[in-house]
Amino acid sequence: METQNMPREQLGVCAEGNLHSVYLMFNANDGVEAQLRPCLANVAQYIYELSDQYADSAFNGFVAIGANYWDTIYGEQRPAQLRPFPAMQEGNRDAPAIEYDLFMHIRCDRYDILHLVANEISQMFEGLVELIEEERGFRFMDSRDLTGFVDGTENPKGRSRQEVALVADEDNQFKGGSYVHVQKYAHNLSKWNRLPQKKQEDIIGRTKQDDIEYASEDKPLTSHIKRVNLKDADGKSMEILRQSMPFGSLKEQGLMFISTCSKPTHFEEMLRSMVHGDGHGNHDHLMQFTKALTGSSFFAPSLDFLAQFAND
């Protein structure tokens, strides 16, 4: 992979995990594009600089633009595969689409810094956007989902995080950017916790305590892992980089599922496999215990792409 002329990516796209996160979904006011373009460049640059300032607490983040808003703000220059969220439904499995214009994703090992930065960002956007949705995520135990299973075990490691998550030469203008999909899942934990542990493990496809994946022949076709470990036509793994974190309070809790990838197809195929299954009636049984409340599609461009508009 050619890296010497790679545009600077937004650091949050491929960052390692954190203790805390804040997710902000905004819709833009009408007719503010001329002010919003430089503002987005400034916010992205601000987040980038804070990564140095708060390096001790591993601050990182990114700014992403909604698929349905992209043309309004950047016109003709559009990432080649950017498209709306692929809403799907079958039986009682529902993956709805709720699109937003902008997504701010910030994470840190200190909650107070995140709160401070979220306020700063909100002020930088004043008069241009409306805050529609705000969630705060947290690391649960040793990086587990609230179901009690380790989350993100399959994630690419080291340099391959960049290879999986970032657009390369196939779309030169958007090199260093990433296709981002966000779903907010609310878990039915009382229903889940009534299941015996072995039944839970069969639904996930891994052991709960020590996070050991079932052997291929032992994985039920309805297990979560079986449904999301897909291969393309050439037999290559269809990988995504997950940046998910648990969120919520006693009233509503679950997972903010966040996928970053160099192409949207990997996520779309995984979701199809979970909701519609494999054509033989085998869908993801985890979806009987968790419900997708939202589904949004974004693109997180490189810093250099955003910076072109800094002095509009």
Protein backbone atom coordinates (compact mmCIF):
# COMPACT_ATOMS: atom_id res chain seq x y z
CA MET A 1 0.00 0.00 0.00
CA GLU A 2 1.42 3.34 -1.10
CA THR A 3 1.68 5.57 1.94
CA GLN A 4 4.08 8.42 1.24
CA ASN A 5 1.43 10.60 -0.43
CA MET A 6 -1.46 9.30 1.62
CA PRO A 7 -3.61 12.21 2.81
CA ARG A 8 -3.80 12.55 6.59
CA GLU A 9 -6.65 10.45 7.90
CA GLN A 10 -8.81 11.59 10.81
CA LEU A 11 -7.22 9.76 13.72
CA GLY A 12 -10.43 8.49 15.31
CA VAL A 13 -11.26 6.27 12.31
CA CYS A 14 -8.56 3.68 13.08
CA ALA A 15 -7.81 4.48 16.74
CA GLU A 16 -7.52 1.74 19.34
CA GLY A 17 -10.28 1.48 21.95
CA ASN A 18 -10.98 4.00 24.71
CA LEU A 19 -12.78 4.15 28.06
CA HIS A 20 -15.39 6.76 27.07
CA SER A 21 -17.08 8.20 23.99
CA VAL A 22 -19.51 10.92 22.97
CA TYR A 23 -21.59 10.64 19.78
CA LEU A 24 -23.30 13.72 18.39
CA MET A 25 -25.72 13.64 15.45
CA PHE A 26 -26.56 17.00 13.89
CA ASN A 27 -28.81 18.23 11.12
CA ALA A 28 -27.71 21.37 9.29
CA ASN A 29 -29.86 24.46 9.03
CA ASP A 30 -30.93 25.50 5.53
CA GLY A 31 -28.58 27.53 3.40
CA VAL A 32 -25.57 27.46 5.74
CA GLU A 33 -23.20 25.50 3.45
CA ALA A 34 -20.83 28.40 2.81
CA GLN A 35 -20.17 28.82 6.57
CA LEU A 36 -20.39 25.12 7.40
CA ARG A 37 -17.61 23.97 5.04
CA PRO A 38 -14.87 25.99 6.77
CA CYS A 39 -16.43 25.18 10.15
CA LEU A 40 -16.16 21.41 9.48
CA ALA A 41 -12.53 21.88 8.44
CA ASN A 42 -11.85 23.76 11.70
CA VAL A 43 -13.62 21.21 13.89
CA ALA A 44 -11.72 18.32 12.28
CA GLN A 45 -8.43 20.18 12.70
CA TYR A 46 -9.29 21.01 16.32
CA ILE A 47 -9.99 17.32 17.07
CA TYR A 48 -6.70 16.41 15.35
CA GLU A 49 -4.69 18.90 17.44
CA LEU A 50 -6.33 17.76 20.69
CA SER A 51 -4.98 14.26 20.00
CA ASP A 52 -1.56 15.72 20.79
CA GLN A 53 -2.68 17.94 23.64
CA TYR A 54 -4.50 15.08 25.38
CA ALA A 55 -2.22 12.26 24.23
CA ASP A 56 -1.94 11.03 27.84
CA SER A 57 -5.62 10.15 27.85
CA ALA A 58 -5.65 8.90 24.22
CA PHE A 59 -8.09 11.50 22.88
CA ASN A 60 -9.23 10.94 19.29
CA GLY A 61 -12.21 11.54 17.06
CA PHE A 62 -13.58 12.17 13.59
CA VAL A 63 -16.15 14.20 11.70
CA ALA A 64 -18.37 12.41 9.15
CA ILE A 65 -20.90 13.74 6.64
CA GLY A 66 -24.24 12.01 6.02
CA ALA A 67 -24.83 10.24 2.72
CA ASN A 68 -27.99 12.28 2.07
CA TYR A 69 -26.35 15.59 2.95
CA TRP A 70 -23.07 15.14 1.08
CA ASP A 71 -24.19 16.65 -2.25
CA THR A 72 -25.68 19.68 -0.53
CA ILE A 73 -22.39 20.59 1.12
CA TYR A 74 -19.72 19.31 -1.30
CA GLY A 75 -21.61 19.18 -4.60
CA GLU A 76 -20.11 17.16 -7.41
CA GLN A 77 -17.08 15.72 -5.59
CA ARG A 78 -18.65 12.63 -4.10
CA PRO A 79 -17.03 9.45 -2.71
CA ALA A 80 -17.58 6.76 -5.35
CA GLN A 81 -19.61 4.35 -3.20
CA LEU A 82 -21.39 6.71 -0.80
CA ARG A 83 -25.06 5.75 -0.53
CA PRO A 84 -27.86 5.90 2.04
CA PHE A 85 -28.20 3.35 4.83
CA PRO A 86 -29.61 0.04 3.51
CA ALA A 87 -32.81 -0.30 5.57
CA MET A 88 -33.91 -3.94 5.86
CA GLN A 89 -36.74 -5.87 7.44
CA GLU A 90 -37.78 -9.48 7.66
CA GLY A 91 -40.08 -11.09 10.21
CA ASN A 92 -39.47 -9.34 13.53
CA ARG A 93 -35.95 -8.29 12.49
CA ASP A 94 -35.78 -4.65 11.58
CA ALA A 95 -32.82 -2.47 10.57
CA PRO A 96 -34.37 0.95 10.01
CA ALA A 97 -32.66 3.91 8.36
CA ILE A 98 -32.56 7.22 10.21
CA GLU A 99 -30.17 9.57 8.45
CA TYR A 100 -28.41 12.60 9.91
CA ASP A 101 -26.41 15.33 8.18
CA LEU A 102 -23.33 15.19 10.43
CA PHE A 103 -21.79 12.77 12.91
CA MET A 104 -19.18 13.79 15.49
CA HIS A 105 -17.41 10.88 17.11
CA ILE A 106 -15.04 11.69 19.99
CA ARG A 107 -13.38 9.30 22.44
CA CYS A 108 -11.01 9.56 25.34
CA ASP A 109 -9.93 7.83 28.55
CA ARG A 110 -11.17 10.86 30.51
CA TYR A 111 -14.86 11.66 30.57
CA ASP A 112 -14.35 15.29 31.64
CA ILE A 113 -12.21 16.08 28.59
CA LEU A 114 -14.90 14.63 26.31
CA HIS A 115 -17.54 16.75 27.99
CA LEU A 116 -15.38 19.86 27.56
CA VAL A 117 -14.65 19.12 23.87
CA ALA A 118 -18.30 18.28 23.09
CA ASN A 119 -19.25 21.72 24.44
CA GLU A 120 -16.51 23.37 22.37
CA ILE A 121 -17.63 21.64 19.18
CA SER A 122 -21.23 22.56 19.86
CA GLN A 123 -20.20 26.22 20.21
CA MET A 124 -18.15 26.13 17.00
CA PHE A 125 -21.28 24.95 15.15
CA GLU A 126 -23.58 27.50 16.78
CA GLY A 127 -26.26 28.85 14.43
CA LEU A 128 -25.37 26.34 11.71
CA VAL A 129 -26.72 23.04 12.96
CA GLU A 130 -29.21 21.49 15.36
CA LEU A 131 -28.20 18.71 17.75
CA ILE A 132 -30.67 15.86 17.14
CA GLU A 133 -29.17 12.96 19.04
CA GLU A 134 -26.49 12.61 21.71
CA GLU A 135 -25.20 9.38 23.22
CA ARG A 136 -22.33 8.64 25.57
CA GLY A 137 -20.56 5.31 25.45
CA PHE A 138 -18.30 3.55 27.91
CA ARG A 139 -15.99 0.57 28.07
CA PHE A 140 -17.70 -2.25 29.93
CA MET A 141 -15.45 -4.63 31.89
CA ASP A 142 -12.66 -5.97 29.65
CA SER A 143 -14.14 -4.54 26.40
CA ARG A 144 -17.35 -6.55 26.60
CA ASP A 145 -20.78 -5.85 25.21
CA LEU A 146 -23.54 -5.58 27.83
CA THR A 147 -24.53 -9.15 26.87
CA GLY A 148 -21.32 -10.15 28.69
CA PHE A 149 -19.40 -11.23 25.58
CA VAL A 150 -16.13 -9.64 24.44
CA ASP A 151 -16.85 -7.28 21.55
CA GLY A 152 -14.62 -6.62 18.55
CA THR A 153 -12.48 -9.76 18.88
CA GLU A 154 -12.47 -10.06 15.09
CA ASN A 155 -11.11 -6.54 14.58
CA PRO A 156 -8.04 -6.10 12.36
CA LYS A 157 -4.84 -5.36 14.29
CA GLY A 158 -1.96 -2.91 13.75
CA ARG A 159 -1.39 -1.61 10.22
CA SER A 160 -4.20 -3.71 8.80
CA ARG A 161 -6.65 -1.41 10.61
CA GLN A 162 -5.76 1.26 8.05
CA GLU A 163 -5.92 -1.20 5.17
CA VAL A 164 -9.43 -2.29 6.14
CA ALA A 165 -10.85 1.11 7.12
CA LEU A 166 -9.35 3.64 4.70
CA VAL A 167 -10.04 4.27 1.03
CA ALA A 168 -6.84 3.79 -1.02
CA ASP A 169 -5.98 4.35 -4.70
CA GLU A 170 -9.34 3.10 -5.97
CA ASP A 171 -10.87 6.57 -5.32
CA ASN A 172 -7.97 9.00 -5.39
CA GLN A 173 -9.78 12.15 -4.38
CA PHE A 174 -11.14 10.44 -1.24
CA LYS A 175 -8.04 8.52 -0.29
CA GLY A 176 -7.61 8.35 3.49
CA GLY A 177 -11.38 8.65 4.02
CA SER A 178 -13.72 5.98 5.36
CA TYR A 179 -17.30 4.75 4.91
CA VAL A 180 -19.01 4.84 8.30
CA HIS A 181 -22.21 3.04 9.34
CA VAL A 182 -23.82 3.64 12.73
CA GLN A 183 -26.62 1.66 14.36
CA LYS A 184 -27.92 2.17 17.87
CA TYR A 185 -28.97 -1.20 19.28
CA ALA A 186 -31.12 -1.44 22.42
CA HIS A 187 -30.67 -4.79 24.17
CA ASN A 188 -33.40 -6.68 25.99
CA LEU A 189 -31.09 -7.70 28.82
CA SER A 190 -33.73 -9.22 31.10
CA LYS A 191 -34.74 -11.61 28.31
CA TRP A 192 -31.08 -12.31 27.46
CA ASN A 193 -30.01 -12.92 31.05
CA ARG A 194 -32.73 -15.54 31.50
CA LEU A 195 -30.99 -17.74 28.92
CA PRO A 196 -28.62 -20.42 30.21
CA GLN A 197 -24.98 -19.57 29.44
CA LYS A 198 -24.57 -22.41 26.91
CA LYS A 199 -27.56 -21.12 24.94
CA GLN A 200 -26.04 -17.61 24.93
CA GLU A 201 -22.75 -19.03 23.70
CA ASP A 202 -24.50 -20.88 20.87
CA ILE A 203 -26.21 -17.65 19.80
CA ILE A 204 -22.88 -15.76 19.71
CA GLY A 205 -20.62 -18.59 18.53
CA ARG A 206 -17.99 -18.04 21.23
CA THR A 207 -17.47 -18.97 24.85
CA LYS A 208 -18.48 -16.26 27.29
CA GLN A 209 -15.80 -16.32 29.97
CA ASP A 210 -12.62 -16.82 27.96
CA ASP A 211 -13.84 -15.63 24.54
CA ILE A 212 -12.83 -18.72 22.55
CA GLU A 213 -14.46 -19.01 19.15
CA TYR A 214 -16.33 -22.24 18.42
CA ALA A 215 -14.69 -24.55 15.88
CA SER A 216 -16.16 -24.01 12.44
CA GLU A 217 -18.16 -27.25 12.44
CA ASP A 218 -19.62 -26.50 15.90
CA LYS A 219 -20.91 -23.02 15.02
CA PRO A 220 -24.68 -22.98 14.59
CA LEU A 221 -25.67 -21.42 11.23
CA THR A 222 -27.80 -18.96 13.23
CA SER A 223 -24.89 -17.83 15.44
CA HIS A 224 -23.86 -14.19 15.25
CA ILE A 225 -20.28 -15.00 14.24
CA LYS A 226 -21.39 -17.32 11.45
CA ARG A 227 -23.67 -14.62 10.06
CA VAL A 228 -21.09 -11.82 10.07
CA ASN A 229 -17.92 -13.71 9.03
CA LEU A 230 -18.39 -13.46 5.29
CA LYS A 231 -16.16 -14.01 2.27
CA ASP A 232 -16.30 -12.25 -1.10
CA ALA A 233 -16.43 -13.96 -4.51
CA ASP A 234 -12.63 -14.48 -4.41
CA GLY A 235 -12.79 -16.15 -0.99
CA LYS A 236 -11.30 -13.15 0.85
CA SER A 237 -12.68 -12.15 4.25
CA MET A 238 -15.04 -9.17 4.08
CA GLU A 239 -13.59 -7.23 6.99
CA ILE A 240 -14.75 -4.08 8.73
CA LEU A 241 -13.14 -2.13 11.58
CA ARG A 242 -15.61 -1.92 14.46
CA GLN A 243 -15.49 1.14 16.71
CA SER A 244 -18.55 0.12 18.76
CA MET A 245 -19.13 0.84 22.45
CA PRO A 246 -21.87 0.09 24.97
CA PHE A 247 -24.10 3.05 25.85
CA GLY A 248 -27.03 3.91 28.00
CA SER A 249 -28.74 4.04 31.35
CA LEU A 250 -31.12 1.68 33.14
CA LYS A 251 -33.96 2.95 30.97
CA GLU A 252 -32.35 2.08 27.65
CA GLN A 253 -29.01 0.42 27.10
CA GLY A 254 -27.23 -1.45 24.38
CA LEU A 255 -24.51 -1.00 21.79
CA MET A 256 -23.60 1.91 19.56
CA PHE A 257 -22.44 -0.19 16.62
CA ILE A 258 -19.97 1.68 14.43
CA SER A 259 -18.36 0.23 11.33
CA THR A 260 -15.58 1.96 9.38
CA CYS A 261 -14.46 0.50 6.06
CA SER A 262 -12.83 1.32 2.74
CA LYS A 263 -16.08 0.23 1.03
CA PRO A 264 -19.72 0.09 2.18
CA THR A 265 -20.45 -3.35 0.72
CA HIS A 266 -18.84 -5.29 3.60
CA PHE A 267 -21.18 -3.78 6.17
CA GLU A 268 -24.21 -4.05 3.87
CA GLU A 269 -23.59 -7.76 3.26
CA MET A 270 -23.16 -8.44 7.00
CA LEU A 271 -26.42 -6.70 7.81
CA ARG A 272 -28.18 -8.63 5.02
CA SER A 273 -26.82 -11.89 6.42
CA MET A 274 -28.05 -11.00 9.93
CA VAL A 275 -31.54 -9.84 8.92
CA HIS A 276 -32.35 -11.93 5.83
CA GLY A 277 -29.99 -14.82 6.54
CA ASP A 278 -28.44 -17.25 4.09
CA GLY A 279 -31.47 -18.09 1.96
CA HIS A 280 -32.08 -21.28 3.96
CA GLY A 281 -33.83 -19.63 6.90
CA ASN A 282 -30.67 -19.15 8.97
CA HIS A 283 -30.64 -15.58 10.25
CA ASP A 284 -28.88 -14.07 13.27
CA HIS A 285 -30.58 -15.25 16.48
CA LEU A 286 -28.93 -12.46 18.45
CA MET A 287 -31.51 -10.16 16.84
CA GLN A 288 -34.20 -11.75 19.02
CA PHE A 289 -32.55 -10.02 21.99
CA THR A 290 -31.53 -6.65 20.55
CA LYS A 291 -33.31 -4.10 18.40
CA ALA A 292 -31.77 -1.61 15.98
CA LEU A 293 -33.31 1.80 16.69
CA THR A 294 -31.34 3.73 14.07
CA GLY A 295 -29.21 3.19 10.99
CA SER A 296 -27.14 5.93 9.38
CA SER A 297 -24.59 6.12 6.61
CA PHE A 298 -21.71 8.65 6.57
CA PHE A 299 -18.35 9.34 5.00
CA ALA A 300 -15.41 10.55 7.10
CA PRO A 301 -13.10 12.31 4.60
CA SER A 302 -9.39 12.83 5.11
CA LEU A 303 -8.27 15.94 6.98
CA ASP A 304 -6.72 17.19 3.76
CA PHE A 305 -10.03 16.95 1.91
CA LEU A 306 -11.81 18.95 4.64
CA ALA A 307 -8.95 21.46 4.88
CA GLN A 308 -9.40 22.58 1.24
CA PHE A 309 -12.47 24.45 2.45
CA ALA A 310 -10.91 26.01 5.55
CA ASN A 311 -10.83 29.51 4.02
CA ASP A 312 -13.95 29.39 1.89
